[in-house]
Amino acid sequence: DTTRNKDGTFERPKAEPEPEMDAETAALFEEVEFKQKQIEDAVDGITKQVGRLKEQAVVMGQELTTQGVILDHMEERMDDLNAEVAGLTLRVGKFRKEVRPSNFFLGLCGLVLL
């Protein structure tokens, strides 16, 4: 649908002018454009909120990683302390066994003295 000019260039046919819209059609187009603008604004707002949520999720992830390291350190320390308590419990048990016969003897001496 193009015509060739004498200089070798092509000329496109001119677009037909859009027909005049009646007032009702123009109002409908205006309403559609208004609704589209509202939708675009809502999508922009959602996009911003999602961005904020992502930032918060990243910060929370970093905090959880830090707390995980702290908990690992505390767990190691608790294991060390549990081992110390177990060793002390064994030593106290041995001490009680060693002291028990002399306690009997001291108790018997105290009874005789009364």
C-alpha atoms as a PDB file:
ATOM      1  CA  ASP A   1       0.000   0.000   0.000  1.00  0.00           C
ATOM      2  CA  THR A   2       2.902   2.339  -0.500  1.00  0.00           C
ATOM      3  CA  THR A   3       3.694   4.326  -3.604  1.00  0.00           C
ATOM      4  CA  ARG A   4       7.111   5.014  -4.989  1.00  0.00           C
ATOM      5  CA  ASN A   5       8.141   8.572  -5.633  1.00  0.00           C
ATOM      6  CA  LYS A   6      10.277   9.622  -8.613  1.00  0.00           C
ATOM      7  CA  ASP A   7      13.294  10.047  -6.302  1.00  0.00           C
ATOM      8  CA  GLY A   8      13.043   6.388  -5.208  1.00  0.00           C
ATOM      9  CA  THR A   9      11.539   6.976  -1.794  1.00  0.00           C
ATOM     10  CA  PHE A  10       8.309   5.433  -0.688  1.00  0.00           C
ATOM     11  CA  GLU A  11       5.306   7.305   0.470  1.00  0.00           C
ATOM     12  CA  ARG A  12       2.836   5.776   2.810  1.00  0.00           C
ATOM     13  CA  PRO A  13      -0.746   6.645   2.466  1.00  0.00           C
ATOM     14  CA  LYS A  14      -1.920   9.122   5.023  1.00  0.00           C
ATOM     15  CA  ALA A  15      -3.808   7.658   7.936  1.00  0.00           C
ATOM     16  CA  GLU A  16      -7.454   8.303   7.952  1.00  0.00           C
ATOM     17  CA  PRO A  17      -8.467  10.684  10.704  1.00  0.00           C
ATOM     18  CA  GLU A  18     -10.159   9.058  13.624  1.00  0.00           C
ATOM     19  CA  PRO A  19     -13.881   9.507  13.536  1.00  0.00           C
ATOM     20  CA  GLU A  20     -15.371  11.952  15.972  1.00  0.00           C
ATOM     21  CA  MET A  21     -16.547  10.353  19.199  1.00  0.00           C
ATOM     22  CA  ASP A  22     -19.830  11.163  20.695  1.00  0.00           C
ATOM     23  CA  ALA A  23     -19.932  12.418  24.274  1.00  0.00           C
ATOM     24  CA  GLU A  24     -20.917   9.051  25.731  1.00  0.00           C
ATOM     25  CA  THR A  25     -18.041   7.203  24.036  1.00  0.00           C
ATOM     26  CA  ALA A  26     -15.593   9.913  25.075  1.00  0.00           C
ATOM     27  CA  ALA A  27     -16.783   9.632  28.685  1.00  0.00           C
ATOM     28  CA  LEU A  28     -16.331   5.859  28.603  1.00  0.00           C
ATOM     29  CA  PHE A  29     -12.779   6.205  27.236  1.00  0.00           C
ATOM     30  CA  GLU A  30     -12.039   8.752  29.927  1.00  0.00           C
ATOM     31  CA  GLU A  31     -13.357   6.394  32.607  1.00  0.00           C
ATOM     32  CA  VAL A  32     -11.238   3.520  31.244  1.00  0.00           C
ATOM     33  CA  GLU A  33      -8.125   5.712  31.271  1.00  0.00           C
ATOM     34  CA  PHE A  34      -8.899   6.781  34.845  1.00  0.00           C
ATOM     35  CA  LYS A  35      -9.324   3.133  35.946  1.00  0.00           C
ATOM     36  CA  GLN A  36      -6.060   2.170  34.224  1.00  0.00           C
ATOM     37  CA  LYS A  37      -4.265   4.966  36.080  1.00  0.00           C
ATOM     38  CA  GLN A  38      -5.732   3.729  39.373  1.00  0.00           C
ATOM     39  CA  ILE A  39      -4.571   0.177  38.597  1.00  0.00           C
ATOM     40  CA  GLU A  40      -1.062   1.389  37.698  1.00  0.00           C
ATOM     41  CA  ASP A  41      -0.887   3.390  40.943  1.00  0.00           C
ATOM     42  CA  ALA A  42      -2.029   0.355  42.942  1.00  0.00           C
ATOM     43  CA  VAL A  43       0.567  -1.870  41.246  1.00  0.00           C
ATOM     44  CA  ASP A  44       3.270   0.716  41.994  1.00  0.00           C
ATOM     45  CA  GLY A  45       2.208   0.748  45.656  1.00  0.00           C
ATOM     46  CA  ILE A  46       2.297  -3.043  45.820  1.00  0.00           C
ATOM     47  CA  THR A  47       5.728  -3.072  44.193  1.00  0.00           C
ATOM     48  CA  LYS A  48       7.047  -0.641  46.807  1.00  0.00           C
ATOM     49  CA  GLN A  49       5.570  -2.721  49.650  1.00  0.00           C
ATOM     50  CA  VAL A  50       7.104  -5.899  48.247  1.00  0.00           C
ATOM     51  CA  GLY A  51      10.462  -4.102  48.100  1.00  0.00           C
ATOM     52  CA  ARG A  52      10.144  -3.114  51.763  1.00  0.00           C
ATOM     53  CA  LEU A  53       9.170  -6.654  52.722  1.00  0.00           C
ATOM     54  CA  LYS A  54      12.200  -7.990  50.868  1.00  0.00           C
ATOM     55  CA  GLU A  55      14.479  -5.580  52.751  1.00  0.00           C
ATOM     56  CA  GLN A  56      12.943  -6.677  56.058  1.00  0.00           C
ATOM     57  CA  ALA A  57      13.362 -10.337  55.115  1.00  0.00           C
ATOM     58  CA  VAL A  58      17.048  -9.777  54.329  1.00  0.00           C
ATOM     59  CA  VAL A  59      17.596  -8.023  57.681  1.00  0.00           C
ATOM     60  CA  MET A  60      15.743 -10.815  59.505  1.00  0.00           C
ATOM     61  CA  GLY A  61      17.859 -13.419  57.724  1.00  0.00           C
ATOM     62  CA  GLN A  62      21.042 -11.644  58.783  1.00  0.00           C
ATOM     63  CA  GLU A  63      19.797 -11.439  62.378  1.00  0.00           C
ATOM     64  CA  LEU A  64      18.929 -15.144  62.378  1.00  0.00           C
ATOM     65  CA  THR A  65      22.384 -15.992  61.074  1.00  0.00           C
ATOM     66  CA  THR A  66      23.995 -13.923  63.846  1.00  0.00           C
ATOM     67  CA  GLN A  67      21.792 -15.508  66.508  1.00  0.00           C
ATOM     68  CA  GLY A  68      22.571 -18.959  65.106  1.00  0.00           C
ATOM     69  CA  VAL A  69      26.288 -18.327  65.588  1.00  0.00           C
ATOM     70  CA  ILE A  70      25.652 -17.131  69.157  1.00  0.00           C
ATOM     71  CA  LEU A  71      23.522 -20.212  69.918  1.00  0.00           C
ATOM     72  CA  ASP A  72      26.207 -22.517  68.506  1.00  0.00           C
ATOM     73  CA  HIS A  73      28.778 -20.878  70.804  1.00  0.00           C
ATOM     74  CA  MET A  74      26.429 -21.212  73.791  1.00  0.00           C
ATOM     75  CA  GLU A  75      25.819 -24.878  72.966  1.00  0.00           C
ATOM     76  CA  GLU A  76      29.560 -25.568  72.876  1.00  0.00           C
ATOM     77  CA  ARG A  77      29.994 -23.784  76.208  1.00  0.00           C
ATOM     78  CA  MET A  78      27.100 -25.761  77.744  1.00  0.00           C
ATOM     79  CA  ASP A  79      28.678 -29.022  76.563  1.00  0.00           C
ATOM     80  CA  ASP A  80      31.938 -27.989  78.254  1.00  0.00           C
ATOM     81  CA  LEU A  81      30.115 -27.075  81.474  1.00  0.00           C
ATOM     82  CA  ASN A  82      28.141 -30.350  81.438  1.00  0.00           C
ATOM     83  CA  ALA A  83      31.399 -32.276  81.138  1.00  0.00           C
ATOM     84  CA  GLU A  84      32.831 -30.319  84.085  1.00  0.00           C
ATOM     85  CA  VAL A  85      29.730 -31.003  86.207  1.00  0.00           C
ATOM     86  CA  ALA A  86      29.869 -34.705  85.343  1.00  0.00           C
ATOM     87  CA  GLY A  87      33.536 -34.798  86.422  1.00  0.00           C
ATOM     88  CA  LEU A  88      32.746 -32.990  89.660  1.00  0.00           C
ATOM     89  CA  THR A  89      29.839 -35.368  90.354  1.00  0.00           C
ATOM     90  CA  LEU A  90      32.184 -38.337  89.999  1.00  0.00           C
ATOM     91  CA  ARG A  91      34.723 -36.736  92.311  1.00  0.00           C
ATOM     92  CA  VAL A  92      32.066 -35.967  94.943  1.00  0.00           C
ATOM     93  CA  GLY A  93      30.797 -39.573  94.718  1.00  0.00           C
ATOM     94  CA  LYS A  94      34.313 -40.915  95.279  1.00  0.00           C
ATOM     95  CA  PHE A  95      34.843 -38.496  98.153  1.00  0.00           C
ATOM     96  CA  ARG A  96      31.570 -39.595  99.823  1.00  0.00           C
ATOM     97  CA  LYS A  97      32.613 -43.251  99.547  1.00  0.00           C
ATOM     98  CA  GLU A  98      35.950 -42.453 101.142  1.00  0.00           C
ATOM     99  CA  VAL A  99      34.408 -40.364 103.925  1.00  0.00           C
ATOM    100  CA  ARG A 100      31.457 -42.662 104.728  1.00  0.00           C
ATOM    101  CA  PRO A 101      33.402 -45.216 106.834  1.00  0.00           C
ATOM    102  CA  SER A 102      34.991 -42.460 108.912  1.00  0.00           C
ATOM    103  CA  ASN A 103      31.548 -40.876 109.385  1.00  0.00           C
ATOM    104  CA  PHE A 104      30.360 -44.144 110.902  1.00  0.00           C
ATOM    105  CA  PHE A 105      33.348 -44.162 113.221  1.00  0.00           C
ATOM    106  CA  LEU A 106      32.766 -40.505 114.225  1.00  0.00           C
ATOM    107  CA  GLY A 107      29.085 -41.230 114.835  1.00  0.00           C
ATOM    108  CA  LEU A 108      29.949 -44.241 117.030  1.00  0.00           C
ATOM    109  CA  CYS A 109      32.460 -42.147 119.015  1.00  0.00           C
ATOM    110  CA  GLY A 110      29.824 -39.433 119.502  1.00  0.00           C
ATOM    111  CA  LEU A 111      27.339 -42.044 120.756  1.00  0.00           C
ATOM    112  CA  VAL A 112      29.827 -43.469 123.227  1.00  0.00           C
ATOM    113  CA  LEU A 113      30.590 -39.998 124.555  1.00  0.00           C
ATOM    114  CA  LEU A 114      26.933 -39.321 125.291  1.00  0.00           C
END
